[in-house]
Amino acid sequence: MADNTDYPDSIFVVHTEYPRFIIDLKTDEVEWLEEFNREDESELSGITKELIENASEFYDREIARYDS
């Protein structure tokens, strides 16, 4: 998880395994840290929703740990 003082209302999750990306959980905007070819882009379009859901679940789990 990460934050950025330029975006005080956003929380970011940094995914460090392939495909690497940063997601802004407030907007669901994804910034990919990889370069992809056409084959990769086709595969990513199918798993992007799952990656976003997993990042949100990760955030919820981590926050729950702080609350307990």
PDB file of N, CA and C in Angstrom:
ATOM      1  N   MET A   1       0.850  -1.161   0.000  1.00  0.00           N
ATOM      2  CA  MET A   1       0.000   0.000   0.000  1.00  0.00           C
ATOM      3  C   MET A   1       0.898   1.228   0.000  1.00  0.00           C
ATOM      4  N   ALA A   2       0.364   2.295  -0.567  1.00  0.00           N
ATOM      5  CA  ALA A   2       1.140   3.519  -0.669  1.00  0.00           C
ATOM      6  C   ALA A   2       0.196   4.710  -0.666  1.00  0.00           C
ATOM      7  N   ASP A   3       0.769   5.853  -0.366  1.00  0.00           N
ATOM      8  CA  ASP A   3       0.016   7.096  -0.501  1.00  0.00           C
ATOM      9  C   ASP A   3       0.910   8.110  -1.196  1.00  0.00           C
ATOM     10  N   ASN A   4       0.322   9.250  -1.523  1.00  0.00           N
ATOM     11  CA  ASN A   4       1.055  10.279  -2.241  1.00  0.00           C
ATOM     12  C   ASN A   4       0.477  11.619  -1.801  1.00  0.00           C
ATOM     13  N   THR A   5       1.326  12.522  -1.328  1.00  0.00           N
ATOM     14  CA  THR A   5       0.835  13.808  -0.829  1.00  0.00           C
ATOM     15  C   THR A   5       0.173  14.654  -1.913  1.00  0.00           C
ATOM     16  N   ASP A   6       0.484  14.375  -3.183  1.00  0.00           N
ATOM     17  CA  ASP A   6      -0.180  15.091  -4.275  1.00  0.00           C
ATOM     18  C   ASP A   6      -1.619  14.608  -4.482  1.00  0.00           C
ATOM     19  N   TYR A   7      -1.942  13.444  -3.950  1.00  0.00           N
ATOM     20  CA  TYR A   7      -3.279  12.863  -4.054  1.00  0.00           C
ATOM     21  C   TYR A   7      -3.731  12.422  -2.661  1.00  0.00           C
ATOM     22  N   PRO A   8      -4.050  13.368  -1.786  1.00  0.00           N
ATOM     23  CA  PRO A   8      -4.310  13.043  -0.377  1.00  0.00           C
ATOM     24  C   PRO A   8      -5.536  12.159  -0.142  1.00  0.00           C
ATOM     25  N   ASP A   9      -6.476  12.099  -1.073  1.00  0.00           N
ATOM     26  CA  ASP A   9      -7.674  11.282  -0.877  1.00  0.00           C
ATOM     27  C   ASP A   9      -7.532   9.880  -1.469  1.00  0.00           C
ATOM     28  N   SER A  10      -6.407   9.587  -2.092  1.00  0.00           N
ATOM     29  CA  SER A  10      -6.215   8.300  -2.762  1.00  0.00           C
ATOM     30  C   SER A  10      -5.347   7.370  -1.934  1.00  0.00           C
ATOM     31  N   ILE A  11      -5.616   6.083  -2.091  1.00  0.00           N
ATOM     32  CA  ILE A  11      -4.770   5.027  -1.547  1.00  0.00           C
ATOM     33  C   ILE A  11      -4.354   4.176  -2.740  1.00  0.00           C
ATOM     34  N   PHE A  12      -3.086   3.827  -2.784  1.00  0.00           N
ATOM     35  CA  PHE A  12      -2.555   3.055  -3.894  1.00  0.00           C
ATOM     36  C   PHE A  12      -2.109   1.686  -3.413  1.00  0.00           C
ATOM     37  N   VAL A  13      -2.295   0.692  -4.273  1.00  0.00           N
ATOM     38  CA  VAL A  13      -1.731  -0.627  -4.049  1.00  0.00           C
ATOM     39  C   VAL A  13      -0.705  -0.840  -5.154  1.00  0.00           C
ATOM     40  N   VAL A  14       0.491  -1.246  -4.749  1.00  0.00           N
ATOM     41  CA  VAL A  14       1.574  -1.504  -5.694  1.00  0.00           C
ATOM     42  C   VAL A  14       1.722  -3.014  -5.817  1.00  0.00           C
ATOM     43  N   HIS A  15       1.453  -3.532  -7.006  1.00  0.00           N
ATOM     44  CA  HIS A  15       1.551  -4.971  -7.263  1.00  0.00           C
ATOM     45  C   HIS A  15       2.935  -5.222  -7.843  1.00  0.00           C
ATOM     46  N   THR A  16       3.758  -6.005  -7.135  1.00  0.00           N
ATOM     47  CA  THR A  16       5.171  -6.133  -7.500  1.00  0.00           C
ATOM     48  C   THR A  16       5.510  -7.399  -8.277  1.00  0.00           C
ATOM     49  N   GLU A  17       4.522  -8.247  -8.527  1.00  0.00           N
ATOM     50  CA  GLU A  17       4.748  -9.432  -9.348  1.00  0.00           C
ATOM     51  C   GLU A  17       4.124  -9.199 -10.715  1.00  0.00           C
ATOM     52  N   TYR A  18       4.582  -9.962 -11.711  1.00  0.00           N
ATOM     53  CA  TYR A  18       4.068  -9.789 -13.061  1.00  0.00           C
ATOM     54  C   TYR A  18       2.575 -10.080 -13.104  1.00  0.00           C
ATOM     55  N   PRO A  19       1.801  -9.238 -13.700  1.00  0.00           N
ATOM     56  CA  PRO A  19       2.138  -7.974 -14.303  1.00  0.00           C
ATOM     57  C   PRO A  19       2.188  -6.876 -13.246  1.00  0.00           C
ATOM     58  N   ARG A  20       3.285  -6.165 -13.172  1.00  0.00           N
ATOM     59  CA  ARG A  20       3.463  -5.132 -12.153  1.00  0.00           C
ATOM     60  C   ARG A  20       2.619  -3.909 -12.496  1.00  0.00           C
ATOM     61  N   PHE A  21       1.993  -3.347 -11.468  1.00  0.00           N
ATOM     62  CA  PHE A  21       1.169  -2.158 -11.687  1.00  0.00           C
ATOM     63  C   PHE A  21       0.936  -1.429 -10.382  1.00  0.00           C
ATOM     64  N   ILE A  22       0.454  -0.211 -10.494  1.00  0.00           N
ATOM     65  CA  ILE A  22       0.001   0.586  -9.354  1.00  0.00           C
ATOM     66  C   ILE A  22      -1.453   0.917  -9.633  1.00  0.00           C
ATOM     67  N   ILE A  23      -2.304   0.713  -8.628  1.00  0.00           N
ATOM     68  CA  ILE A  23      -3.717   1.033  -8.792  1.00  0.00           C
ATOM     69  C   ILE A  23      -4.130   2.061  -7.758  1.00  0.00           C
ATOM     70  N   ASP A  24      -4.866   3.048  -8.194  1.00  0.00           N
ATOM     71  CA  ASP A  24      -5.477   4.041  -7.306  1.00  0.00           C
ATOM     72  C   ASP A  24      -6.846   3.480  -6.937  1.00  0.00           C
ATOM     73  N   LEU A  25      -7.021   3.074  -5.694  1.00  0.00           N
ATOM     74  CA  LEU A  25      -8.275   2.440  -5.288  1.00  0.00           C
ATOM     75  C   LEU A  25      -9.456   3.397  -5.291  1.00  0.00           C
ATOM     76  N   LYS A  26      -9.182   4.691  -5.266  1.00  0.00           N
ATOM     77  CA  LYS A  26     -10.283   5.654  -5.311  1.00  0.00           C
ATOM     78  C   LYS A  26     -10.907   5.697  -6.702  1.00  0.00           C
ATOM     79  N   THR A  27     -10.076   5.618  -7.727  1.00  0.00           N
ATOM     80  CA  THR A  27     -10.566   5.760  -9.108  1.00  0.00           C
ATOM     81  C   THR A  27     -10.481   4.462  -9.916  1.00  0.00           C
ATOM     82  N   ASP A  28      -9.839   3.439  -9.366  1.00  0.00           N
ATOM     83  CA  ASP A  28      -9.550   2.186 -10.080  1.00  0.00           C
ATOM     84  C   ASP A  28      -8.656   2.407 -11.302  1.00  0.00           C
ATOM     85  N   GLU A  29      -7.959   3.538 -11.333  1.00  0.00           N
ATOM     86  CA  GLU A  29      -7.026   3.806 -12.427  1.00  0.00           C
ATOM     87  C   GLU A  29      -5.770   2.966 -12.215  1.00  0.00           C
ATOM     88  N   VAL A  30      -5.344   2.288 -13.275  1.00  0.00           N
ATOM     89  CA  VAL A  30      -4.183   1.407 -13.212  1.00  0.00           C
ATOM     90  C   VAL A  30      -3.055   1.982 -14.051  1.00  0.00           C
ATOM     91  N   GLU A  31      -1.859   1.995 -13.467  1.00  0.00           N
ATOM     92  CA  GLU A  31      -0.665   2.357 -14.220  1.00  0.00           C
ATOM     93  C   GLU A  31       0.216   1.114 -14.275  1.00  0.00           C
ATOM     94  N   TRP A  32       0.406   0.608 -15.487  1.00  0.00           N
ATOM     95  CA  TRP A  32       1.199  -0.603 -15.682  1.00  0.00           C
ATOM     96  C   TRP A  32       2.676  -0.262 -15.635  1.00  0.00           C
ATOM     97  N   LEU A  33       3.454  -1.109 -14.990  1.00  0.00           N
ATOM     98  CA  LEU A  33       4.896  -0.916 -14.883  1.00  0.00           C
ATOM     99  C   LEU A  33       5.635  -1.872 -15.818  1.00  0.00           C
ATOM    100  N   GLU A  34       4.925  -2.390 -16.790  1.00  0.00           N
ATOM    101  CA  GLU A  34       5.456  -3.322 -17.777  1.00  0.00           C
ATOM    102  C   GLU A  34       5.172  -2.759 -19.168  1.00  0.00           C
ATOM    103  N   GLU A  35       5.913  -3.240 -20.131  1.00  0.00           N
ATOM    104  CA  GLU A  35       5.588  -2.971 -21.524  1.00  0.00           C
ATOM    105  C   GLU A  35       5.016  -4.261 -22.092  1.00  0.00           C
ATOM    106  N   PHE A  36       3.919  -4.151 -22.821  1.00  0.00           N
ATOM    107  CA  PHE A  36       3.223  -5.330 -23.304  1.00  0.00           C
ATOM    108  C   PHE A  36       3.164  -5.346 -24.824  1.00  0.00           C
ATOM    109  N   ASN A  37       3.162  -6.556 -25.377  1.00  0.00           N
ATOM    110  CA  ASN A  37       2.926  -6.706 -26.809  1.00  0.00           C
ATOM    111  C   ASN A  37       1.439  -7.007 -27.020  1.00  0.00           C
ATOM    112  N   ARG A  38       1.019  -7.193 -28.238  1.00  0.00           N
ATOM    113  CA  ARG A  38      -0.402  -7.413 -28.532  1.00  0.00           C
ATOM    114  C   ARG A  38      -0.949  -8.661 -27.834  1.00  0.00           C
ATOM    115  N   GLU A  39      -0.165  -9.732 -27.792  1.00  0.00           N
ATOM    116  CA  GLU A  39      -0.595 -10.954 -27.100  1.00  0.00           C
ATOM    117  C   GLU A  39      -0.839 -10.676 -25.625  1.00  0.00           C
ATOM    118  N   ASP A  40       0.093  -9.992 -25.007  1.00  0.00           N
ATOM    119  CA  ASP A  40      -0.028  -9.660 -23.584  1.00  0.00           C
ATOM    120  C   ASP A  40      -1.255  -8.798 -23.333  1.00  0.00           C
ATOM    121  N   GLU A  41      -1.493  -7.810 -24.190  1.00  0.00           N
ATOM    122  CA  GLU A  41      -2.632  -6.911 -24.007  1.00  0.00           C
ATOM    123  C   GLU A  41      -3.942  -7.665 -24.070  1.00  0.00           C
ATOM    124  N   SER A  42      -4.029  -8.646 -24.925  1.00  0.00           N
ATOM    125  CA  SER A  42      -5.242  -9.457 -25.026  1.00  0.00           C
ATOM    126  C   SER A  42      -5.469 -10.232 -23.730  1.00  0.00           C
ATOM    127  N   GLU A  43      -4.412 -10.822 -23.215  1.00  0.00           N
ATOM    128  CA  GLU A  43      -4.512 -11.570 -21.956  1.00  0.00           C
ATOM    129  C   GLU A  43      -4.864 -10.638 -20.800  1.00  0.00           C
ATOM    130  N   LEU A  44      -4.246  -9.459 -20.759  1.00  0.00           N
ATOM    131  CA  LEU A  44      -4.497  -8.514 -19.670  1.00  0.00           C
ATOM    132  C   LEU A  44      -5.929  -8.021 -19.651  1.00  0.00           C
ATOM    133  N   SER A  45      -6.510  -7.833 -20.818  1.00  0.00           N
ATOM    134  CA  SER A  45      -7.887  -7.342 -20.841  1.00  0.00           C
ATOM    135  C   SER A  45      -8.819  -8.336 -20.154  1.00  0.00           C
ATOM    136  N   GLY A  46      -8.461  -9.615 -20.172  1.00  0.00           N
ATOM    137  CA  GLY A  46      -9.285 -10.626 -19.513  1.00  0.00           C
ATOM    138  C   GLY A  46      -9.071 -10.716 -18.018  1.00  0.00           C
ATOM    139  N   ILE A  47      -7.895 -10.312 -17.528  1.00  0.00           N
ATOM    140  CA  ILE A  47      -7.625 -10.465 -16.091  1.00  0.00           C
ATOM    141  C   ILE A  47      -7.598  -9.150 -15.323  1.00  0.00           C
ATOM    142  N   THR A  48      -7.737  -8.028 -16.006  1.00  0.00           N
ATOM    143  CA  THR A  48      -7.654  -6.733 -15.335  1.00  0.00           C
ATOM    144  C   THR A  48      -8.691  -6.593 -14.236  1.00  0.00           C
ATOM    145  N   LYS A  49      -9.924  -6.978 -14.506  1.00  0.00           N
ATOM    146  CA  LYS A  49     -10.977  -6.887 -13.495  1.00  0.00           C
ATOM    147  C   LYS A  49     -10.600  -7.696 -12.255  1.00  0.00           C
ATOM    148  N   GLU A  50     -10.080  -8.892 -12.460  1.00  0.00           N
ATOM    149  CA  GLU A  50      -9.676  -9.740 -11.337  1.00  0.00           C
ATOM    150  C   GLU A  50      -8.523  -9.108 -10.554  1.00  0.00           C
ATOM    151  N   LEU A  51      -7.565  -8.517 -11.246  1.00  0.00           N
ATOM    152  CA  LEU A  51      -6.443  -7.864 -10.568  1.00  0.00           C
ATOM    153  C   LEU A  51      -6.929  -6.693  -9.710  1.00  0.00           C
ATOM    154  N   ILE A  52      -7.878  -5.917 -10.220  1.00  0.00           N
ATOM    155  CA  ILE A  52      -8.435  -4.797  -9.462  1.00  0.00           C
ATOM    156  C   ILE A  52      -9.182  -5.308  -8.234  1.00  0.00           C
ATOM    157  N   GLU A  53      -9.979  -6.350  -8.404  1.00  0.00           N
ATOM    158  CA  GLU A  53     -10.699  -6.926  -7.265  1.00  0.00           C
ATOM    159  C   GLU A  53      -9.729  -7.458  -6.215  1.00  0.00           C
ATOM    160  N   ASN A  54      -8.669  -8.132  -6.665  1.00  0.00           N
ATOM    161  CA  ASN A  54      -7.675  -8.664  -5.726  1.00  0.00           C
ATOM    162  C   ASN A  54      -6.970  -7.548  -4.962  1.00  0.00           C
ATOM    163  N   ALA A  55      -6.659  -6.450  -5.643  1.00  0.00           N
ATOM    164  CA  ALA A  55      -6.014  -5.313  -4.980  1.00  0.00           C
ATOM    165  C   ALA A  55      -6.938  -4.714  -3.926  1.00  0.00           C
ATOM    166  N   SER A  56      -8.230  -4.610  -4.231  1.00  0.00           N
ATOM    167  CA  SER A  56      -9.200  -4.075  -3.264  1.00  0.00           C
ATOM    168  C   SER A  56      -9.343  -5.001  -2.060  1.00  0.00           C
ATOM    169  N   GLU A  57      -9.379  -6.304  -2.315  1.00  0.00           N
ATOM    170  CA  GLU A  57      -9.462  -7.277  -1.214  1.00  0.00           C
ATOM    171  C   GLU A  57      -8.212  -7.221  -0.343  1.00  0.00           C
ATOM    172  N   PHE A  58      -7.052  -7.084  -0.964  1.00  0.00           N
ATOM    173  CA  PHE A  58      -5.798  -6.950  -0.221  1.00  0.00           C
ATOM    174  C   PHE A  58      -5.869  -5.739   0.703  1.00  0.00           C
ATOM    175  N   TYR A  59      -6.308  -4.615   0.167  1.00  0.00           N
ATOM    176  CA  TYR A  59      -6.426  -3.394   0.964  1.00  0.00           C
ATOM    177  C   TYR A  59      -7.371  -3.612   2.148  1.00  0.00           C
ATOM    178  N   ASP A  60      -8.529  -4.201   1.896  1.00  0.00           N
ATOM    179  CA  ASP A  60      -9.500  -4.451   2.967  1.00  0.00           C
ATOM    180  C   ASP A  60      -8.921  -5.348   4.053  1.00  0.00           C
ATOM    181  N   ARG A  61      -8.192  -6.395   3.660  1.00  0.00           N
ATOM    182  CA  ARG A  61      -7.559  -7.293   4.644  1.00  0.00           C
ATOM    183  C   ARG A  61      -6.535  -6.556   5.490  1.00  0.00           C
ATOM    184  N   GLU A  62      -5.713  -5.752   4.846  1.00  0.00           N
ATOM    185  CA  GLU A  62      -4.674  -5.017   5.582  1.00  0.00           C
ATOM    186  C   GLU A  62      -5.276  -4.016   6.552  1.00  0.00           C
ATOM    187  N   ILE A  63      -6.298  -3.317   6.132  1.00  0.00           N
ATOM    188  CA  ILE A  63      -6.961  -2.339   7.008  1.00  0.00           C
ATOM    189  C   ILE A  63      -7.633  -3.054   8.171  1.00  0.00           C
ATOM    190  N   ALA A  64      -8.243  -4.198   7.925  1.00  0.00           N
ATOM    191  CA  ALA A  64      -8.880  -4.977   8.991  1.00  0.00           C
ATOM    192  C   ALA A  64      -7.857  -5.385  10.054  1.00  0.00           C
ATOM    193  N   ARG A  65      -6.654  -5.672   9.644  1.00  0.00           N
ATOM    194  CA  ARG A  65      -5.592  -6.044  10.597  1.00  0.00           C
ATOM    195  C   ARG A  65      -5.232  -4.878  11.499  1.00  0.00           C
ATOM    196  N   TYR A  66      -5.259  -3.662  10.966  1.00  0.00           N
ATOM    197  CA  TYR A  66      -4.973  -2.486  11.782  1.00  0.00           C
ATOM    198  C   TYR A  66      -6.102  -2.206  12.764  1.00  0.00           C
ATOM    199  N   ASP A  67      -7.320  -2.503  12.359  1.00  0.00           N
ATOM    200  CA  ASP A  67      -8.487  -2.226  13.199  1.00  0.00           C
ATOM    201  C   ASP A  67      -8.642  -3.212  14.337  1.00  0.00           C
ATOM    202  N   SER A  68      -8.027  -4.399  14.234  1.00  0.00           N
ATOM    203  CA  SER A  68      -8.209  -5.405  15.302  1.00  0.00           C
ATOM    204  C   SER A  68      -7.131  -5.356  16.337  1.00  0.00           C
TER     205      SER A  68
END
